[in-house]
Amino acid sequence: KLQDSGKNVKALGYVENKHLTGQFLPKLSYDFLYP
């Protein structure tokens, strides 16, 4: 929604289970932090 309104968005998610992010395609605006 923010990107569609012309914003430059960067998201950083903290994930305790590394297998959870394996199902998501890597995207340029997303990074993940693991334990």
Full PDB file with SEQRES, HELIX, SHEET, SSBOND, CRYST1, ORIGX, SCALE, CONECT and MASTER records, all heavy atoms in Angstrom:
SEQRES   1 A   35  LYS LEU GLN ASP SER GLY LYS ASN VAL LYS ALA LEU GLY          
SEQRES   2 A   35  TYR VAL GLU ASN LYS HIS LEU THR GLY GLN PHE LEU PRO          
SEQRES   3 A   35  LYS LEU SER TYR ASP PHE LEU TYR PRO                          
HELIX    1 AA1 LYS A   18  THR A   21  1                                   4    
SHEET    1 AA1 2 ALA A  11  TYR A  14  0                                        
SHEET    2 AA1 2 TYR A  30  LEU A  33  1                                        
CRYST1    1.000    1.000    1.000  90.00  90.00  90.00 P 1           1          
ORIGX1      1.000000  0.000000  0.000000        0.00000                         
ORIGX2      0.000000  1.000000  0.000000        0.00000                         
ORIGX3      0.000000  0.000000  1.000000        0.00000                         
SCALE1      1.000000  0.000000  0.000000        0.00000                         
SCALE2      0.000000  1.000000  0.000000        0.00000                         
SCALE3      0.000000  0.000000  1.000000        0.00000                         
ATOM      1  N   LYS A   1       0.836  -1.211   0.000  1.00  0.00           N  
ATOM      2  CA  LYS A   1       0.000   0.000   0.000  1.00  0.00           C  
ATOM      3  C   LYS A   1       0.868   1.257   0.000  1.00  0.00           C  
ATOM      4  O   LYS A   1       0.608   2.202  -0.750  1.00  0.00           O  
ATOM      5  CB  LYS A   1      -0.915  -0.013   1.233  1.00  0.00           C  
ATOM      6  CG  LYS A   1      -1.751   1.225   1.412  1.00  0.00           C  
ATOM      7  CD  LYS A   1      -2.578   1.144   2.687  1.00  0.00           C  
ATOM      8  CE  LYS A   1      -3.333   2.433   2.923  1.00  0.00           C  
ATOM      9  NZ  LYS A   1      -4.170   2.369   4.128  1.00  0.00           N  
ATOM     10  N   LEU A   2       1.909   1.256   0.829  1.00  0.00           N  
ATOM     11  CA  LEU A   2       2.804   2.408   0.894  1.00  0.00           C  
ATOM     12  C   LEU A   2       3.593   2.573  -0.405  1.00  0.00           C  
ATOM     13  O   LEU A   2       3.761   3.683  -0.909  1.00  0.00           O  
ATOM     14  CB  LEU A   2       3.754   2.280   2.081  1.00  0.00           C  
ATOM     15  CG  LEU A   2       3.118   2.375   3.469  1.00  0.00           C  
ATOM     16  CD1 LEU A   2       4.120   2.000   4.545  1.00  0.00           C  
ATOM     17  CD2 LEU A   2       2.551   3.768   3.711  1.00  0.00           C  
ATOM     18  N   GLN A   3       4.073   1.464  -0.956  1.00  0.00           N  
ATOM     19  CA  GLN A   3       4.826   1.522  -2.209  1.00  0.00           C  
ATOM     20  C   GLN A   3       3.945   1.991  -3.365  1.00  0.00           C  
ATOM     21  O   GLN A   3       4.398   2.743  -4.223  1.00  0.00           O  
ATOM     22  CB  GLN A   3       5.451   0.161  -2.522  1.00  0.00           C  
ATOM     23  CG  GLN A   3       6.605  -0.175  -1.613  1.00  0.00           C  
ATOM     24  CD  GLN A   3       7.136  -1.582  -1.827  1.00  0.00           C  
ATOM     25  OE1 GLN A   3       6.404  -2.480  -2.248  1.00  0.00           O  
ATOM     26  NE2 GLN A   3       8.408  -1.783  -1.503  1.00  0.00           N  
ATOM     27  N   ASP A   4       2.704   1.557  -3.379  1.00  0.00           N  
ATOM     28  CA  ASP A   4       1.774   1.973  -4.421  1.00  0.00           C  
ATOM     29  C   ASP A   4       1.484   3.470  -4.366  1.00  0.00           C  
ATOM     30  O   ASP A   4       1.110   4.067  -5.374  1.00  0.00           O  
ATOM     31  CB  ASP A   4       0.457   1.192  -4.337  1.00  0.00           C  
ATOM     32  CG  ASP A   4       0.620  -0.262  -4.767  1.00  0.00           C  
ATOM     33  OD1 ASP A   4       1.664  -0.603  -5.359  1.00  0.00           O  
ATOM     34  OD2 ASP A   4      -0.312  -1.055  -4.505  1.00  0.00           O  
ATOM     35  N   SER A   5       1.672   4.072  -3.188  1.00  0.00           N  
ATOM     36  CA  SER A   5       1.466   5.516  -3.067  1.00  0.00           C  
ATOM     37  C   SER A   5       2.773   6.294  -3.311  1.00  0.00           C  
ATOM     38  O   SER A   5       2.847   7.482  -3.035  1.00  0.00           O  
ATOM     39  CB  SER A   5       0.873   5.864  -1.696  1.00  0.00           C  
ATOM     40  OG  SER A   5       1.810   5.610  -0.670  1.00  0.00           O  
ATOM     41  N   GLY A   6       3.791   5.596  -3.810  1.00  0.00           N  
ATOM     42  CA  GLY A   6       5.031   6.259  -4.210  1.00  0.00           C  
ATOM     43  C   GLY A   6       6.108   6.340  -3.148  1.00  0.00           C  
ATOM     44  O   GLY A   6       7.104   7.046  -3.325  1.00  0.00           O  
ATOM     45  N   LYS A   7       5.953   5.619  -2.054  1.00  0.00           N  
ATOM     46  CA  LYS A   7       6.945   5.661  -0.974  1.00  0.00           C  
ATOM     47  C   LYS A   7       8.055   4.631  -1.221  1.00  0.00           C  
ATOM     48  O   LYS A   7       7.814   3.545  -1.714  1.00  0.00           O  
ATOM     49  CB  LYS A   7       6.300   5.364   0.386  1.00  0.00           C  
ATOM     50  CG  LYS A   7       5.068   6.179   0.706  1.00  0.00           C  
ATOM     51  CD  LYS A   7       5.345   7.640   0.701  1.00  0.00           C  
ATOM     52  CE  LYS A   7       4.072   8.430   0.971  1.00  0.00           C  
ATOM     53  NZ  LYS A   7       4.106   9.768   0.465  1.00  0.00           N  
ATOM     54  N   ASN A   8       9.256   4.984  -0.820  1.00  0.00           N  
ATOM     55  CA  ASN A   8      10.376   4.054  -0.817  1.00  0.00           C  
ATOM     56  C   ASN A   8      10.348   3.352   0.536  1.00  0.00           C  
ATOM     57  O   ASN A   8      10.607   3.984   1.555  1.00  0.00           O  
ATOM     58  CB  ASN A   8      11.686   4.808  -1.027  1.00  0.00           C  
ATOM     59  CG  ASN A   8      12.885   3.906  -1.007  1.00  0.00           C  
ATOM     60  OD1 ASN A   8      12.764   2.686  -1.111  1.00  0.00           O  
ATOM     61  ND2 ASN A   8      14.050   4.502  -0.860  1.00  0.00           N  
ATOM     62  N   VAL A   9      10.019   2.073   0.556  1.00  0.00           N  
ATOM     63  CA  VAL A   9       9.823   1.344   1.809  1.00  0.00           C  
ATOM     64  C   VAL A   9      10.845   0.228   1.935  1.00  0.00           C  
ATOM     65  O   VAL A   9      11.099  -0.520   0.993  1.00  0.00           O  
ATOM     66  CB  VAL A   9       8.399   0.739   1.884  1.00  0.00           C  
ATOM     67  CG1 VAL A   9       8.177   0.028   3.204  1.00  0.00           C  
ATOM     68  CG2 VAL A   9       7.344   1.812   1.677  1.00  0.00           C  
ATOM     69  N   LYS A  10      11.418   0.124   3.122  1.00  0.00           N  
ATOM     70  CA  LYS A  10      12.338  -0.962   3.461  1.00  0.00           C  
ATOM     71  C   LYS A  10      11.818  -1.622   4.727  1.00  0.00           C  
ATOM     72  O   LYS A  10      11.542  -0.937   5.717  1.00  0.00           O  
ATOM     73  CB  LYS A  10      13.745  -0.389   3.701  1.00  0.00           C  
ATOM     74  CG  LYS A  10      14.792  -1.419   3.965  1.00  0.00           C  
ATOM     75  CD  LYS A  10      15.167  -2.144   2.703  1.00  0.00           C  
ATOM     76  CE  LYS A  10      16.342  -3.059   2.958  1.00  0.00           C  
ATOM     77  NZ  LYS A  10      16.620  -3.938   1.855  1.00  0.00           N  
ATOM     78  N   ALA A  11      11.649  -2.938   4.702  1.00  0.00           N  
ATOM     79  CA  ALA A  11      11.119  -3.666   5.851  1.00  0.00           C  
ATOM     80  C   ALA A  11      12.164  -4.640   6.388  1.00  0.00           C  
ATOM     81  O   ALA A  11      12.871  -5.294   5.620  1.00  0.00           O  
ATOM     82  CB  ALA A  11       9.854  -4.421   5.464  1.00  0.00           C  
ATOM     83  N   LEU A  12      12.247  -4.713   7.703  1.00  0.00           N  
ATOM     84  CA  LEU A  12      13.163  -5.637   8.368  1.00  0.00           C  
ATOM     85  C   LEU A  12      12.370  -6.428   9.395  1.00  0.00           C  
ATOM     86  O   LEU A  12      11.826  -5.856  10.344  1.00  0.00           O  
ATOM     87  CB  LEU A  12      14.308  -4.876   9.051  1.00  0.00           C  
ATOM     88  CG  LEU A  12      15.334  -5.724   9.803  1.00  0.00           C  
ATOM     89  CD1 LEU A  12      16.090  -6.644   8.846  1.00  0.00           C  
ATOM     90  CD2 LEU A  12      16.320  -4.831  10.548  1.00  0.00           C  
ATOM     91  N   GLY A  13      12.290  -7.734   9.177  1.00  0.00           N  
ATOM     92  CA  GLY A  13      11.536  -8.598  10.078  1.00  0.00           C  
ATOM     93  C   GLY A  13      12.449  -9.477  10.905  1.00  0.00           C  
ATOM     94  O   GLY A  13      13.447  -9.994  10.403  1.00  0.00           O  
ATOM     95  N   TYR A  14      12.098  -9.635  12.184  1.00  0.00           N  
ATOM     96  CA  TYR A  14      12.837 -10.535  13.068  1.00  0.00           C  
ATOM     97  C   TYR A  14      12.133 -11.875  13.083  1.00  0.00           C  
ATOM     98  O   TYR A  14      10.945 -11.965  13.396  1.00  0.00           O  
ATOM     99  CB  TYR A  14      12.934  -9.957  14.477  1.00  0.00           C  
ATOM    100  CG  TYR A  14      13.642 -10.871  15.445  1.00  0.00           C  
ATOM    101  CD1 TYR A  14      14.957 -11.267  15.228  1.00  0.00           C  
ATOM    102  CD2 TYR A  14      13.001 -11.349  16.575  1.00  0.00           C  
ATOM    103  CE1 TYR A  14      15.612 -12.106  16.108  1.00  0.00           C  
ATOM    104  CE2 TYR A  14      13.645 -12.186  17.468  1.00  0.00           C  
ATOM    105  CZ  TYR A  14      14.957 -12.567  17.229  1.00  0.00           C  
ATOM    106  OH  TYR A  14      15.594 -13.404  18.102  1.00  0.00           O  
ATOM    107  N   VAL A  15      12.856 -12.926  12.722  1.00  0.00           N  
ATOM    108  CA  VAL A  15      12.290 -14.264  12.592  1.00  0.00           C  
ATOM    109  C   VAL A  15      13.036 -15.207  13.516  1.00  0.00           C  
ATOM    110  O   VAL A  15      14.262 -15.333  13.420  1.00  0.00           O  
ATOM    111  CB  VAL A  15      12.430 -14.770  11.136  1.00  0.00           C  
ATOM    112  CG1 VAL A  15      11.743 -16.111  10.964  1.00  0.00           C  
ATOM    113  CG2 VAL A  15      11.890 -13.753  10.159  1.00  0.00           C  
ATOM    114  N   GLU A  16      12.310 -15.860  14.407  1.00  0.00           N  
ATOM    115  CA  GLU A  16      12.963 -16.826  15.296  1.00  0.00           C  
ATOM    116  C   GLU A  16      13.078 -18.196  14.644  1.00  0.00           C  
ATOM    117  O   GLU A  16      13.910 -19.001  15.029  1.00  0.00           O  
ATOM    118  CB  GLU A  16      12.208 -16.908  16.625  1.00  0.00           C  
ATOM    119  CG  GLU A  16      12.374 -15.644  17.441  1.00  0.00           C  
ATOM    120  CD  GLU A  16      11.647 -15.678  18.769  1.00  0.00           C  
ATOM    121  OE1 GLU A  16      10.644 -16.414  18.894  1.00  0.00           O  
ATOM    122  OE2 GLU A  16      12.083 -14.957  19.677  1.00  0.00           O  
ATOM    123  N   ASN A  17      12.245 -18.472  13.634  1.00  0.00           N  
ATOM    124  CA  ASN A  17      12.251 -19.755  12.946  1.00  0.00           C  
ATOM    125  C   ASN A  17      12.676 -19.536  11.502  1.00  0.00           C  
ATOM    126  O   ASN A  17      11.898 -19.055  10.690  1.00  0.00           O  
ATOM    127  CB  ASN A  17      10.862 -20.387  13.011  1.00  0.00           C  
ATOM    128  CG  ASN A  17      10.786 -21.733  12.327  1.00  0.00           C  
ATOM    129  OD1 ASN A  17      11.754 -22.198  11.724  1.00  0.00           O  
ATOM    130  ND2 ASN A  17       9.633 -22.353  12.411  1.00  0.00           N  
ATOM    131  N   LYS A  18      13.896 -19.895  11.166  1.00  0.00           N  
ATOM    132  CA  LYS A  18      14.447 -19.630   9.839  1.00  0.00           C  
ATOM    133  C   LYS A  18      13.656 -20.320   8.732  1.00  0.00           C  
ATOM    134  O   LYS A  18      13.588 -19.836   7.614  1.00  0.00           O  
ATOM    135  CB  LYS A  18      15.916 -20.055   9.787  1.00  0.00           C  
ATOM    136  CG  LYS A  18      16.613 -19.567   8.544  1.00  0.00           C  
ATOM    137  CD  LYS A  18      18.107 -19.692   8.655  1.00  0.00           C  
ATOM    138  CE  LYS A  18      18.762 -18.991   7.489  1.00  0.00           C  
ATOM    139  NZ  LYS A  18      20.159 -18.745   7.690  1.00  0.00           N  
ATOM    140  N   HIS A  19      13.020 -21.430   9.026  1.00  0.00           N  
ATOM    141  CA  HIS A  19      12.252 -22.153   8.014  1.00  0.00           C  
ATOM    142  C   HIS A  19      11.022 -21.359   7.574  1.00  0.00           C  
ATOM    143  O   HIS A  19      10.502 -21.573   6.491  1.00  0.00           O  
ATOM    144  CB  HIS A  19      11.827 -23.527   8.537  1.00  0.00           C  
ATOM    145  CG  HIS A  19      12.996 -24.393   8.890  1.00  0.00           C  
ATOM    146  ND1 HIS A  19      13.840 -24.909   7.935  1.00  0.00           N  
ATOM    147  CD2 HIS A  19      13.480 -24.800  10.083  1.00  0.00           C  
ATOM    148  CE1 HIS A  19      14.789 -25.619   8.523  1.00  0.00           C  
ATOM    149  NE2 HIS A  19      14.597 -25.567   9.831  1.00  0.00           N  
ATOM    150  N   LEU A  20      10.577 -20.443   8.409  1.00  0.00           N  
ATOM    151  CA  LEU A  20       9.399 -19.642   8.082  1.00  0.00           C  
ATOM    152  C   LEU A  20       9.621 -18.791   6.845  1.00  0.00           C  
ATOM    153  O   LEU A  20       8.735 -18.659   6.007  1.00  0.00           O  
ATOM    154  CB  LEU A  20       9.027 -18.750   9.274  1.00  0.00           C  
ATOM    155  CG  LEU A  20       7.764 -17.927   9.150  1.00  0.00           C  
ATOM    156  CD1 LEU A  20       6.542 -18.839   9.063  1.00  0.00           C  
ATOM    157  CD2 LEU A  20       7.615 -17.002  10.341  1.00  0.00           C  
ATOM    158  N   THR A  21      10.806 -18.221   6.697  1.00  0.00           N  
ATOM    159  CA  THR A  21      11.060 -17.327   5.570  1.00  0.00           C  
ATOM    160  C   THR A  21      11.427 -18.076   4.301  1.00  0.00           C  
ATOM    161  O   THR A  21      11.466 -17.479   3.231  1.00  0.00           O  
ATOM    162  CB  THR A  21      12.170 -16.312   5.893  1.00  0.00           C  
ATOM    163  OG1 THR A  21      13.335 -17.021   6.294  1.00  0.00           O  
ATOM    164  CG2 THR A  21      11.721 -15.346   6.962  1.00  0.00           C  
ATOM    165  N   GLY A  22      11.676 -19.355   4.388  1.00  0.00           N  
ATOM    166  CA  GLY A  22      12.002 -20.141   3.210  1.00  0.00           C  
ATOM    167  C   GLY A  22      10.865 -20.189   2.204  1.00  0.00           C  
ATOM    168  O   GLY A  22      11.079 -20.370   1.014  1.00  0.00           O  
ATOM    169  N   GLN A  23       9.636 -20.002   2.673  1.00  0.00           N  
ATOM    170  CA  GLN A  23       8.487 -20.057   1.776  1.00  0.00           C  
ATOM    171  C   GLN A  23       8.213 -18.730   1.075  1.00  0.00           C  
ATOM    172  O   GLN A  23       7.414 -18.679   0.152  1.00  0.00           O  
ATOM    173  CB  GLN A  23       7.247 -20.485   2.557  1.00  0.00           C  
ATOM    174  CG  GLN A  23       6.880 -19.525   3.683  1.00  0.00           C  
ATOM    175  CD  GLN A  23       5.821 -20.101   4.586  1.00  0.00           C  
ATOM    176  OE1 GLN A  23       4.951 -20.815   4.125  1.00  0.00           O  
ATOM    177  NE2 GLN A  23       5.886 -19.788   5.870  1.00  0.00           N  
ATOM    178  N   PHE A  24       8.876 -17.668   1.499  1.00  0.00           N  
ATOM    179  CA  PHE A  24       8.657 -16.369   0.880  1.00  0.00           C  
ATOM    180  C   PHE A  24       9.749 -16.086  -0.140  1.00  0.00           C  
ATOM    181  O   PHE A  24      10.920 -16.343   0.109  1.00  0.00           O  
ATOM    182  CB  PHE A  24       8.663 -15.247   1.931  1.00  0.00           C  
ATOM    183  CG  PHE A  24       7.707 -15.482   3.057  1.00  0.00           C  
ATOM    184  CD1 PHE A  24       8.143 -15.474   4.362  1.00  0.00           C  
ATOM    185  CD2 PHE A  24       6.368 -15.721   2.814  1.00  0.00           C  
ATOM    186  CE1 PHE A  24       7.278 -15.690   5.409  1.00  0.00           C  
ATOM    187  CE2 PHE A  24       5.491 -15.942   3.850  1.00  0.00           C  
ATOM    188  CZ  PHE A  24       5.943 -15.933   5.145  1.00  0.00           C  
ATOM    189  N   LEU A  25       9.340 -15.544  -1.258  1.00  0.00           N  
ATOM    190  CA  LEU A  25      10.324 -15.159  -2.260  1.00  0.00           C  
ATOM    191  C   LEU A  25      11.090 -13.944  -1.761  1.00  0.00           C  
ATOM    192  O   LEU A  25      10.487 -13.018  -1.227  1.00  0.00           O  
ATOM    193  CB  LEU A  25       9.627 -14.818  -3.580  1.00  0.00           C  
ATOM    194  CG  LEU A  25       8.920 -15.973  -4.269  1.00  0.00           C  
ATOM    195  CD1 LEU A  25       8.131 -15.456  -5.472  1.00  0.00           C  
ATOM    196  CD2 LEU A  25       9.929 -17.017  -4.713  1.00  0.00           C  
ATOM    197  N   PRO A  26      12.399 -13.926  -1.937  1.00  0.00           N  
ATOM    198  CA  PRO A  26      13.153 -12.742  -1.526  1.00  0.00           C  
ATOM    199  C   PRO A  26      12.692 -11.523  -2.332  1.00  0.00           C  
ATOM    200  O   PRO A  26      12.478 -11.611  -3.529  1.00  0.00           O  
ATOM    201  CB  PRO A  26      14.599 -13.093  -1.867  1.00  0.00           C  
ATOM    202  CG  PRO A  26      14.615 -14.548  -2.128  1.00  0.00           C  
ATOM    203  CD  PRO A  26      13.236 -14.963  -2.483  1.00  0.00           C  
ATOM    204  N   LYS A  27      12.524 -10.434  -1.643  1.00  0.00           N  
ATOM    205  CA  LYS A  27      12.118  -9.196  -2.290  1.00  0.00           C  
ATOM    206  C   LYS A  27      13.146  -8.136  -1.965  1.00  0.00           C  
ATOM    207  O   LYS A  27      13.755  -8.149  -0.900  1.00  0.00           O  
ATOM    208  CB  LYS A  27      10.734  -8.754  -1.804  1.00  0.00           C  
ATOM    209  CG  LYS A  27       9.634  -9.731  -2.156  1.00  0.00           C  
ATOM    210  CD  LYS A  27       8.303  -9.215  -1.687  1.00  0.00           C  
ATOM    211  CE  LYS A  27       7.199 -10.192  -2.013  1.00  0.00           C  
ATOM    212  NZ  LYS A  27       5.907  -9.741  -1.544  1.00  0.00           N  
ATOM    213  N   LEU A  28      13.310  -7.215  -2.873  1.00  0.00           N  
ATOM    214  CA  LEU A  28      14.321  -6.183  -2.728  1.00  0.00           C  
ATOM    215  C   LEU A  28      14.102  -5.333  -1.478  1.00  0.00           C  
ATOM    216  O   LEU A  28      15.051  -4.917  -0.833  1.00  0.00           O  
ATOM    217  CB  LEU A  28      14.325  -5.294  -3.975  1.00  0.00           C  
ATOM    218  CG  LEU A  28      15.427  -4.264  -4.068  1.00  0.00           C  
ATOM    219  CD1 LEU A  28      16.792  -4.945  -4.036  1.00  0.00           C  
ATOM    220  CD2 LEU A  28      15.288  -3.445  -5.336  1.00  0.00           C  
ATOM    221  N   SER A  29      12.858  -5.091  -1.110  1.00  0.00           N  
ATOM    222  CA  SER A  29      12.587  -4.190   0.002  1.00  0.00           C  
ATOM    223  C   SER A  29      12.452  -4.907   1.350  1.00  0.00           C  
ATOM    224  O   SER A  29      12.083  -4.289   2.331  1.00  0.00           O  
ATOM    225  CB  SER A  29      11.330  -3.366  -0.289  1.00  0.00           C  
ATOM    226  OG  SER A  29      10.238  -4.223  -0.528  1.00  0.00           O  
ATOM    227  N   TYR A  30      12.744  -6.197   1.414  1.00  0.00           N  
ATOM    228  CA  TYR A  30      12.621  -6.961   2.655  1.00  0.00           C  
ATOM    229  C   TYR A  30      13.962  -7.568   3.056  1.00  0.00           C  
ATOM    230  O   TYR A  30      14.675  -8.124   2.234  1.00  0.00           O  
ATOM    231  CB  TYR A  30      11.632  -8.123   2.494  1.00  0.00           C  
ATOM    232  CG  TYR A  30      10.198  -7.694   2.376  1.00  0.00           C  
ATOM    233  CD1 TYR A  30       9.673  -7.299   1.160  1.00  0.00           C  
ATOM    234  CD2 TYR A  30       9.361  -7.699   3.475  1.00  0.00           C  
ATOM    235  CE1 TYR A  30       8.357  -6.914   1.036  1.00  0.00           C  
ATOM    236  CE2 TYR A  30       8.036  -7.316   3.371  1.00  0.00           C  
ATOM    237  CZ  TYR A  30       7.540  -6.925   2.146  1.00  0.00           C  
ATOM    238  OH  TYR A  30       6.236  -6.537   2.032  1.00  0.00           O  
ATOM    239  N   ASP A  31      14.255  -7.469   4.335  1.00  0.00           N  
ATOM    240  CA  ASP A  31      15.383  -8.186   4.924  1.00  0.00           C  
ATOM    241  C   ASP A  31      14.871  -8.896   6.162  1.00  0.00           C  
ATOM    242  O   ASP A  31      13.860  -8.501   6.741  1.00  0.00           O  
ATOM    243  CB  ASP A  31      16.510  -7.222   5.335  1.00  0.00           C  
ATOM    244  CG  ASP A  31      17.391  -6.833   4.175  1.00  0.00           C  
ATOM    245  OD1 ASP A  31      17.737  -7.716   3.367  1.00  0.00           O  
ATOM    246  OD2 ASP A  31      17.733  -5.652   4.075  1.00  0.00           O  
ATOM    247  N   PHE A  32      15.588  -9.936   6.570  1.00  0.00           N  
ATOM    248  CA  PHE A  32      15.194 -10.687   7.753  1.00  0.00           C  
ATOM    249  C   PHE A  32      16.379 -10.791   8.708  1.00  0.00           C  
ATOM    250  O   PHE A  32      17.523 -10.905   8.292  1.00  0.00           O  
ATOM    251  CB  PHE A  32      14.700 -12.084   7.375  1.00  0.00           C  
ATOM    252  CG  PHE A  32      13.479 -12.056   6.504  1.00  0.00           C  
ATOM    253  CD1 PHE A  32      13.583 -12.300   5.149  1.00  0.00           C  
ATOM    254  CD2 PHE A  32      12.236 -11.767   7.034  1.00  0.00           C  
ATOM    255  CE1 PHE A  32      12.461 -12.266   4.336  1.00  0.00           C  
ATOM    256  CE2 PHE A  32      11.110 -11.729   6.231  1.00  0.00           C  
ATOM    257  CZ  PHE A  32      11.218 -11.979   4.879  1.00  0.00           C  
ATOM    258  N   LEU A  33      16.065 -10.748   9.986  1.00  0.00           N  
ATOM    259  CA  LEU A  33      17.045 -10.897  11.050  1.00  0.00           C  
ATOM    260  C   LEU A  33      16.708 -12.181  11.802  1.00  0.00           C  
ATOM    261  O   LEU A  33      15.553 -12.380  12.192  1.00  0.00           O  
ATOM    262  CB  LEU A  33      16.984  -9.686  11.994  1.00  0.00           C  
ATOM    263  CG  LEU A  33      17.885  -9.705  13.211  1.00  0.00           C  
ATOM    264  CD1 LEU A  33      19.351  -9.671  12.792  1.00  0.00           C  
ATOM    265  CD2 LEU A  33      17.575  -8.513  14.119  1.00  0.00           C  
ATOM    266  N   TYR A  34      17.714 -13.031  11.979  1.00  0.00           N  
ATOM    267  CA  TYR A  34      17.521 -14.315  12.652  1.00  0.00           C  
ATOM    268  C   TYR A  34      18.290 -14.323  13.969  1.00  0.00           C  
ATOM    269  O   TYR A  34      19.199 -13.513  14.168  1.00  0.00           O  
ATOM    270  CB  TYR A  34      18.030 -15.452  11.760  1.00  0.00           C  
ATOM    271  CG  TYR A  34      17.357 -15.490  10.409  1.00  0.00           C  
ATOM    272  CD1 TYR A  34      17.953 -14.922   9.294  1.00  0.00           C  
ATOM    273  CD2 TYR A  34      16.106 -16.078  10.266  1.00  0.00           C  
ATOM    274  CE1 TYR A  34      17.332 -14.940   8.057  1.00  0.00           C  
ATOM    275  CE2 TYR A  34      15.473 -16.108   9.032  1.00  0.00           C  
ATOM    276  CZ  TYR A  34      16.095 -15.538   7.935  1.00  0.00           C  
ATOM    277  OH  TYR A  34      15.463 -15.549   6.715  1.00  0.00           O  
ATOM    278  N   PRO A  35      17.972 -15.247  14.872  1.00  0.00           N  
ATOM    279  CA  PRO A  35      18.712 -15.325  16.135  1.00  0.00           C  
ATOM    280  C   PRO A  35      20.224 -15.470  15.953  1.00  0.00           C  
ATOM    281  O   PRO A  35      20.988 -15.019  16.796  1.00  0.00           O  
ATOM    282  CB  PRO A  35      18.118 -16.569  16.814  1.00  0.00           C  
ATOM    283  CG  PRO A  35      16.714 -16.626  16.304  1.00  0.00           C  
ATOM    284  CD  PRO A  35      16.822 -16.171  14.858  1.00  0.00           C  
TER     285      PRO A  35                                                      
MASTER        0    0    0    1    2    0    0    6  284    1    0    3          
END                                                                             
